[in-house]
Amino acid sequence: MCLGIPAKVIELYETNGMKMAKVDFGGALKEACMEYLPEVKVGDYTIIHVGFGLSILDEKEAFETMELLRQIDALGEE
């Protein structure tokens, strides 16, 4: 099973001709390619899968998804 995780775009830049971003996964900062999302802006939430931004989410949808992932994680700890 593959899983895309919501992340907030906190910085956009170009590396080797590719649109890249620093994204925040609730405190964990990572780099992701934004070539599939030319319209993405700083502050947007995106679904990240294997280092690529795939879609833009509104803030409410991103928070709902993150909460569901936290609940799944809590089930695994029981």
PDB file of N, CA and C in Angstrom:
ATOM      1  N   MET A   1       0.844  -1.173   0.000  1.00  0.00           N
ATOM      2  CA  MET A   1       0.000   0.000   0.000  1.00  0.00           C
ATOM      3  C   MET A   1       0.891   1.238   0.000  1.00  0.00           C
ATOM      4  N   CYS A   2       0.508   2.205  -0.802  1.00  0.00           N
ATOM      5  CA  CYS A   2       1.227   3.474  -0.863  1.00  0.00           C
ATOM      6  C   CYS A   2       0.424   4.524  -0.122  1.00  0.00           C
ATOM      7  N   LEU A   3       1.126   5.453   0.488  1.00  0.00           N
ATOM      8  CA  LEU A   3       0.456   6.453   1.296  1.00  0.00           C
ATOM      9  C   LEU A   3       1.025   7.829   0.989  1.00  0.00           C
ATOM     10  N   GLY A   4       0.131   8.760   0.667  1.00  0.00           N
ATOM     11  CA  GLY A   4       0.521  10.157   0.514  1.00  0.00           C
ATOM     12  C   GLY A   4       0.229  10.874   1.823  1.00  0.00           C
ATOM     13  N   ILE A   5       1.125  11.726   2.265  1.00  0.00           N
ATOM     14  CA  ILE A   5       1.014  12.404   3.555  1.00  0.00           C
ATOM     15  C   ILE A   5       0.883  13.909   3.323  1.00  0.00           C
ATOM     16  N   PRO A   6      -0.040  14.572   4.030  1.00  0.00           N
ATOM     17  CA  PRO A   6      -0.152  16.028   3.892  1.00  0.00           C
ATOM     18  C   PRO A   6       1.055  16.742   4.510  1.00  0.00           C
ATOM     19  N   ALA A   7       1.471  17.797   3.843  1.00  0.00           N
ATOM     20  CA  ALA A   7       2.571  18.622   4.344  1.00  0.00           C
ATOM     21  C   ALA A   7       2.312  20.071   3.929  1.00  0.00           C
ATOM     22  N   LYS A   8       2.827  20.995   4.719  1.00  0.00           N
ATOM     23  CA  LYS A   8       2.683  22.419   4.418  1.00  0.00           C
ATOM     24  C   LYS A   8       3.940  22.916   3.715  1.00  0.00           C
ATOM     25  N   VAL A   9       3.766  23.622   2.626  1.00  0.00           N
ATOM     26  CA  VAL A   9       4.886  24.199   1.884  1.00  0.00           C
ATOM     27  C   VAL A   9       5.374  25.435   2.639  1.00  0.00           C
ATOM     28  N   ILE A  10       6.635  25.409   3.039  1.00  0.00           N
ATOM     29  CA  ILE A  10       7.161  26.553   3.781  1.00  0.00           C
ATOM     30  C   ILE A  10       8.203  27.350   2.993  1.00  0.00           C
ATOM     31  N   GLU A  11       8.693  26.771   1.900  1.00  0.00           N
ATOM     32  CA  GLU A  11       9.661  27.484   1.057  1.00  0.00           C
ATOM     33  C   GLU A  11       9.641  26.858  -0.332  1.00  0.00           C
ATOM     34  N   LEU A  12       9.725  27.695  -1.368  1.00  0.00           N
ATOM     35  CA  LEU A  12       9.833  27.230  -2.750  1.00  0.00           C
ATOM     36  C   LEU A  12      11.144  27.716  -3.336  1.00  0.00           C
ATOM     37  N   TYR A  13      11.782  26.884  -4.162  1.00  0.00           N
ATOM     38  CA  TYR A  13      13.041  27.249  -4.800  1.00  0.00           C
ATOM     39  C   TYR A  13      13.265  26.333  -5.989  1.00  0.00           C
ATOM     40  N   GLU A  14      14.290  26.622  -6.746  1.00  0.00           N
ATOM     41  CA  GLU A  14      14.625  25.806  -7.907  1.00  0.00           C
ATOM     42  C   GLU A  14      15.985  25.152  -7.694  1.00  0.00           C
ATOM     43  N   THR A  15      16.067  23.883  -8.039  1.00  0.00           N
ATOM     44  CA  THR A  15      17.319  23.136  -7.967  1.00  0.00           C
ATOM     45  C   THR A  15      17.486  22.376  -9.277  1.00  0.00           C
ATOM     46  N   ASN A  16      18.577  22.627  -9.993  1.00  0.00           N
ATOM     47  CA  ASN A  16      18.843  21.958 -11.271  1.00  0.00           C
ATOM     48  C   ASN A  16      17.653  22.045 -12.219  1.00  0.00           C
ATOM     49  N   GLY A  17      17.006  23.210 -12.262  1.00  0.00           N
ATOM     50  CA  GLY A  17      15.886  23.426 -13.162  1.00  0.00           C
ATOM     51  C   GLY A  17      14.573  22.815 -12.713  1.00  0.00           C
ATOM     52  N   MET A  18      14.522  22.265 -11.501  1.00  0.00           N
ATOM     53  CA  MET A  18      13.310  21.626 -10.978  1.00  0.00           C
ATOM     54  C   MET A  18      12.710  22.486  -9.872  1.00  0.00           C
ATOM     55  N   LYS A  19      11.376  22.628  -9.886  1.00  0.00           N
ATOM     56  CA  LYS A  19      10.682  23.358  -8.821  1.00  0.00           C
ATOM     57  C   LYS A  19      10.652  22.468  -7.583  1.00  0.00           C
ATOM     58  N   MET A  20      11.262  22.948  -6.500  1.00  0.00           N
ATOM     59  CA  MET A  20      11.386  22.190  -5.270  1.00  0.00           C
ATOM     60  C   MET A  20      10.766  22.973  -4.121  1.00  0.00           C
ATOM     61  N   ALA A  21      10.528  22.283  -3.013  1.00  0.00           N
ATOM     62  CA  ALA A  21       9.970  22.938  -1.831  1.00  0.00           C
ATOM     63  C   ALA A  21      10.523  22.301  -0.573  1.00  0.00           C
ATOM     64  N   LYS A  22      10.607  23.127   0.458  1.00  0.00           N
ATOM     65  CA  LYS A  22      10.808  22.606   1.806  1.00  0.00           C
ATOM     66  C   LYS A  22       9.402  22.472   2.367  1.00  0.00           C
ATOM     67  N   VAL A  23       9.067  21.276   2.862  1.00  0.00           N
ATOM     68  CA  VAL A  23       7.724  21.023   3.373  1.00  0.00           C
ATOM     69  C   VAL A  23       7.800  20.570   4.823  1.00  0.00           C
ATOM     70  N   ASP A  24       6.732  20.852   5.553  1.00  0.00           N
ATOM     71  CA  ASP A  24       6.653  20.549   6.985  1.00  0.00           C
ATOM     72  C   ASP A  24       5.585  19.484   7.225  1.00  0.00           C
ATOM     73  N   PHE A  25       6.028  18.337   7.707  1.00  0.00           N
ATOM     74  CA  PHE A  25       5.141  17.238   8.088  1.00  0.00           C
ATOM     75  C   PHE A  25       4.891  17.309   9.592  1.00  0.00           C
ATOM     76  N   GLY A  26       4.293  18.378  10.068  1.00  0.00           N
ATOM     77  CA  GLY A  26       4.003  18.501  11.494  1.00  0.00           C
ATOM     78  C   GLY A  26       5.251  18.567  12.352  1.00  0.00           C
ATOM     79  N   GLY A  27       6.288  19.224  11.869  1.00  0.00           N
ATOM     80  CA  GLY A  27       7.523  19.379  12.633  1.00  0.00           C
ATOM     81  C   GLY A  27       8.727  18.738  11.970  1.00  0.00           C
ATOM     82  N   ALA A  28       8.516  17.791  11.104  1.00  0.00           N
ATOM     83  CA  ALA A  28       9.612  17.168  10.356  1.00  0.00           C
ATOM     84  C   ALA A  28       9.718  17.864   9.002  1.00  0.00           C
ATOM     85  N   LEU A  29      10.855  18.505   8.747  1.00  0.00           N
ATOM     86  CA  LEU A  29      11.059  19.231   7.501  1.00  0.00           C
ATOM     87  C   LEU A  29      11.758  18.333   6.489  1.00  0.00           C
ATOM     88  N   LYS A  30      11.244  18.338   5.262  1.00  0.00           N
ATOM     89  CA  LYS A  30      11.803  17.525   4.176  1.00  0.00           C
ATOM     90  C   LYS A  30      11.778  18.336   2.895  1.00  0.00           C
ATOM     91  N   GLU A  31      12.486  17.846   1.896  1.00  0.00           N
ATOM     92  CA  GLU A  31      12.471  18.440   0.573  1.00  0.00           C
ATOM     93  C   GLU A  31      11.557  17.604  -0.319  1.00  0.00           C
ATOM     94  N   ALA A  32      10.804  18.282  -1.191  1.00  0.00           N
ATOM     95  CA  ALA A  32       9.916  17.574  -2.117  1.00  0.00           C
ATOM     96  C   ALA A  32       9.914  18.293  -3.458  1.00  0.00           C
ATOM     97  N   CYS A  33       9.746  17.536  -4.511  1.00  0.00           N
ATOM     98  CA  CYS A  33       9.657  18.076  -5.859  1.00  0.00           C
ATOM     99  C   CYS A  33       8.228  18.560  -6.111  1.00  0.00           C
ATOM    100  N   MET A  34       8.100  19.758  -6.663  1.00  0.00           N
ATOM    101  CA  MET A  34       6.777  20.348  -6.933  1.00  0.00           C
ATOM    102  C   MET A  34       6.509  20.502  -8.428  1.00  0.00           C
ATOM    103  N   GLU A  35       7.225  19.771  -9.251  1.00  0.00           N
ATOM    104  CA  GLU A  35       7.045  19.878 -10.700  1.00  0.00           C
ATOM    105  C   GLU A  35       5.621  19.536 -11.141  1.00  0.00           C
ATOM    106  N   TYR A  36       4.937  18.665 -10.441  1.00  0.00           N
ATOM    107  CA  TYR A  36       3.558  18.308 -10.797  1.00  0.00           C
ATOM    108  C   TYR A  36       2.557  19.372 -10.360  1.00  0.00           C
ATOM    109  N   LEU A  37       3.000  20.335  -9.567  1.00  0.00           N
ATOM    110  CA  LEU A  37       2.113  21.371  -9.023  1.00  0.00           C
ATOM    111  C   LEU A  37       2.668  22.765  -9.318  1.00  0.00           C
ATOM    112  N   PRO A  38       2.661  23.193 -10.565  1.00  0.00           N
ATOM    113  CA  PRO A  38       3.255  24.500 -10.892  1.00  0.00           C
ATOM    114  C   PRO A  38       2.554  25.666 -10.202  1.00  0.00           C
ATOM    115  N   GLU A  39       1.296  25.482  -9.777  1.00  0.00           N
ATOM    116  CA  GLU A  39       0.535  26.563  -9.141  1.00  0.00           C
ATOM    117  C   GLU A  39       0.704  26.624  -7.628  1.00  0.00           C
ATOM    118  N   VAL A  40       1.460  25.710  -7.022  1.00  0.00           N
ATOM    119  CA  VAL A  40       1.605  25.662  -5.568  1.00  0.00           C
ATOM    120  C   VAL A  40       2.278  26.937  -5.056  1.00  0.00           C
ATOM    121  N   LYS A  41       1.848  27.374  -3.865  1.00  0.00           N
ATOM    122  CA  LYS A  41       2.390  28.580  -3.238  1.00  0.00           C
ATOM    123  C   LYS A  41       2.838  28.250  -1.808  1.00  0.00           C
ATOM    124  N   VAL A  42       3.720  29.069  -1.279  1.00  0.00           N
ATOM    125  CA  VAL A  42       4.110  28.956   0.119  1.00  0.00           C
ATOM    126  C   VAL A  42       2.839  29.087   0.963  1.00  0.00           C
ATOM    127  N   GLY A  43       2.675  28.193   1.923  1.00  0.00           N
ATOM    128  CA  GLY A  43       1.492  28.181   2.779  1.00  0.00           C
ATOM    129  C   GLY A  43       0.460  27.153   2.370  1.00  0.00           C
ATOM    130  N   ASP A  44       0.551  26.657   1.128  1.00  0.00           N
ATOM    131  CA  ASP A  44      -0.373  25.614   0.673  1.00  0.00           C
ATOM    132  C   ASP A  44      -0.056  24.289   1.363  1.00  0.00           C
ATOM    133  N   TYR A  45      -1.066  23.448   1.466  1.00  0.00           N
ATOM    134  CA  TYR A  45      -0.883  22.073   1.928  1.00  0.00           C
ATOM    135  C   TYR A  45      -0.948  21.169   0.714  1.00  0.00           C
ATOM    136  N   THR A  46      -0.049  20.207   0.658  1.00  0.00           N
ATOM    137  CA  THR A  46      -0.010  19.277  -0.467  1.00  0.00           C
ATOM    138  C   THR A  46       0.059  17.842   0.046  1.00  0.00           C
ATOM    139  N   ILE A  47      -0.346  16.925  -0.806  1.00  0.00           N
ATOM    140  CA  ILE A  47      -0.119  15.509  -0.535  1.00  0.00           C
ATOM    141  C   ILE A  47       1.248  15.175  -1.121  1.00  0.00           C
ATOM    142  N   ILE A  48       2.129  14.643  -0.299  1.00  0.00           N
ATOM    143  CA  ILE A  48       3.472  14.249  -0.726  1.00  0.00           C
ATOM    144  C   ILE A  48       3.537  12.727  -0.753  1.00  0.00           C
ATOM    145  N   HIS A  49       4.006  12.210  -1.880  1.00  0.00           N
ATOM    146  CA  HIS A  49       4.209  10.763  -2.012  1.00  0.00           C
ATOM    147  C   HIS A  49       5.575  10.546  -2.644  1.00  0.00           C
ATOM    148  N   VAL A  50       6.402   9.758  -2.009  1.00  0.00           N
ATOM    149  CA  VAL A  50       7.779   9.455  -2.413  1.00  0.00           C
ATOM    150  C   VAL A  50       8.540  10.693  -2.899  1.00  0.00           C
ATOM    151  N   GLY A  51       8.368  11.805  -2.169  1.00  0.00           N
ATOM    152  CA  GLY A  51       9.132  13.002  -2.446  1.00  0.00           C
ATOM    153  C   GLY A  51       8.556  13.920  -3.511  1.00  0.00           C
ATOM    154  N   PHE A  52       7.336  13.656  -3.961  1.00  0.00           N
ATOM    155  CA  PHE A  52       6.695  14.486  -4.977  1.00  0.00           C
ATOM    156  C   PHE A  52       5.368  15.028  -4.464  1.00  0.00           C
ATOM    157  N   GLY A  53       5.118  16.316  -4.699  1.00  0.00           N
ATOM    158  CA  GLY A  53       3.820  16.901  -4.411  1.00  0.00           C
ATOM    159  C   GLY A  53       2.841  16.471  -5.483  1.00  0.00           C
ATOM    160  N   LEU A  54       1.713  15.881  -5.076  1.00  0.00           N
ATOM    161  CA  LEU A  54       0.759  15.345  -6.049  1.00  0.00           C
ATOM    162  C   LEU A  54      -0.516  16.161  -6.181  1.00  0.00           C
ATOM    163  N   SER A  55      -0.967  16.768  -5.094  1.00  0.00           N
ATOM    164  CA  SER A  55      -2.202  17.553  -5.145  1.00  0.00           C
ATOM    165  C   SER A  55      -2.178  18.587  -4.030  1.00  0.00           C
ATOM    166  N   ILE A  56      -2.974  19.626  -4.221  1.00  0.00           N
ATOM    167  CA  ILE A  56      -3.085  20.684  -3.223  1.00  0.00           C
ATOM    168  C   ILE A  56      -4.365  20.451  -2.430  1.00  0.00           C
ATOM    169  N   LEU A  57      -4.262  20.579  -1.111  1.00  0.00           N
ATOM    170  CA  LEU A  57      -5.407  20.412  -0.214  1.00  0.00           C
ATOM    171  C   LEU A  57      -5.748  21.752   0.425  1.00  0.00           C
ATOM    172  N   ASP A  58      -7.015  21.904   0.824  1.00  0.00           N
ATOM    173  CA  ASP A  58      -7.300  23.066   1.664  1.00  0.00           C
ATOM    174  C   ASP A  58      -6.886  22.710   3.094  1.00  0.00           C
ATOM    175  N   GLU A  59      -6.720  23.722   3.925  1.00  0.00           N
ATOM    176  CA  GLU A  59      -6.197  23.532   5.279  1.00  0.00           C
ATOM    177  C   GLU A  59      -7.061  22.578   6.100  1.00  0.00           C
ATOM    178  N   LYS A  60      -8.381  22.704   5.991  1.00  0.00           N
ATOM    179  CA  LYS A  60      -9.294  21.846   6.754  1.00  0.00           C
ATOM    180  C   LYS A  60      -9.099  20.372   6.381  1.00  0.00           C
ATOM    181  N   GLU A  61      -9.035  20.102   5.086  1.00  0.00           N
ATOM    182  CA  GLU A  61      -8.840  18.727   4.621  1.00  0.00           C
ATOM    183  C   GLU A  61      -7.481  18.174   5.072  1.00  0.00           C
ATOM    184  N   ALA A  62      -6.452  19.014   5.039  1.00  0.00           N
ATOM    185  CA  ALA A  62      -5.123  18.583   5.480  1.00  0.00           C
ATOM    186  C   ALA A  62      -5.146  18.218   6.961  1.00  0.00           C
ATOM    187  N   PHE A  63      -5.761  19.068   7.804  1.00  0.00           N
ATOM    188  CA  PHE A  63      -5.819  18.782   9.236  1.00  0.00           C
ATOM    189  C   PHE A  63      -6.638  17.533   9.534  1.00  0.00           C
ATOM    190  N   GLU A  64      -7.739  17.332   8.810  1.00  0.00           N
ATOM    191  CA  GLU A  64      -8.554  16.126   9.009  1.00  0.00           C
ATOM    192  C   GLU A  64      -7.746  14.874   8.673  1.00  0.00           C
ATOM    193  N   THR A  65      -7.007  14.917   7.579  1.00  0.00           N
ATOM    194  CA  THR A  65      -6.182  13.769   7.182  1.00  0.00           C
ATOM    195  C   THR A  65      -5.080  13.516   8.202  1.00  0.00           C
ATOM    196  N   MET A  66      -4.424  14.585   8.680  1.00  0.00           N
ATOM    197  CA  MET A  66      -3.357  14.412   9.680  1.00  0.00           C
ATOM    198  C   MET A  66      -3.917  13.820  10.973  1.00  0.00           C
ATOM    199  N   GLU A  67      -5.117  14.231  11.364  1.00  0.00           N
ATOM    200  CA  GLU A  67      -5.739  13.684  12.572  1.00  0.00           C
ATOM    201  C   GLU A  67      -6.048  12.198  12.394  1.00  0.00           C
ATOM    202  N   LEU A  68      -6.544  11.806  11.248  1.00  0.00           N
ATOM    203  CA  LEU A  68      -6.798  10.386  10.984  1.00  0.00           C
ATOM    204  C   LEU A  68      -5.500   9.576  11.049  1.00  0.00           C
ATOM    205  N   LEU A  69      -4.423  10.121  10.510  1.00  0.00           N
ATOM    206  CA  LEU A  69      -3.133   9.423  10.568  1.00  0.00           C
ATOM    207  C   LEU A  69      -2.643   9.291  12.005  1.00  0.00           C
ATOM    208  N   ARG A  70      -2.872  10.321  12.835  1.00  0.00           N
ATOM    209  CA  ARG A  70      -2.496  10.239  14.259  1.00  0.00           C
ATOM    210  C   ARG A  70      -3.301   9.142  14.959  1.00  0.00           C
ATOM    211  N   GLN A  71      -4.577   9.039  14.631  1.00  0.00           N
ATOM    212  CA  GLN A  71      -5.414   7.997  15.233  1.00  0.00           C
ATOM    213  C   GLN A  71      -4.949   6.604  14.830  1.00  0.00           C
ATOM    214  N   ILE A  72      -4.575   6.447  13.573  1.00  0.00           N
ATOM    215  CA  ILE A  72      -4.061   5.154  13.108  1.00  0.00           C
ATOM    216  C   ILE A  72      -2.772   4.815  13.857  1.00  0.00           C
ATOM    217  N   ASP A  73      -1.893   5.801  14.010  1.00  0.00           N
ATOM    218  CA  ASP A  73      -0.631   5.597  14.720  1.00  0.00           C
ATOM    219  C   ASP A  73      -0.903   5.204  16.184  1.00  0.00           C
ATOM    220  N   ALA A  74      -1.876   5.852  16.814  1.00  0.00           N
ATOM    221  CA  ALA A  74      -2.200   5.543  18.210  1.00  0.00           C
ATOM    222  C   ALA A  74      -2.726   4.111  18.342  1.00  0.00           C
ATOM    223  N   LEU A  75      -3.459   3.626  17.362  1.00  0.00           N
ATOM    224  CA  LEU A  75      -3.947   2.241  17.388  1.00  0.00           C
ATOM    225  C   LEU A  75      -2.788   1.248  17.373  1.00  0.00           C
ATOM    226  N   GLY A  76      -1.739   1.584  16.628  1.00  0.00           N
ATOM    227  CA  GLY A  76      -0.581   0.707  16.559  1.00  0.00           C
ATOM    228  C   GLY A  76       0.219   0.670  17.847  1.00  0.00           C
ATOM    229  N   GLU A  77       0.062   1.689  18.679  1.00  0.00           N
ATOM    230  CA  GLU A  77       0.802   1.748  19.952  1.00  0.00           C
ATOM    231  C   GLU A  77       0.100   0.984  21.058  1.00  0.00           C
ATOM    232  N   GLU A  78      -1.162   0.638  20.864  1.00  0.00           N
ATOM    233  CA  GLU A  78      -1.913  -0.058  21.909  1.00  0.00           C
ATOM    234  C   GLU A  78      -1.558  -1.522  21.990  1.00  0.00           C
TER     235      GLU A  78
END
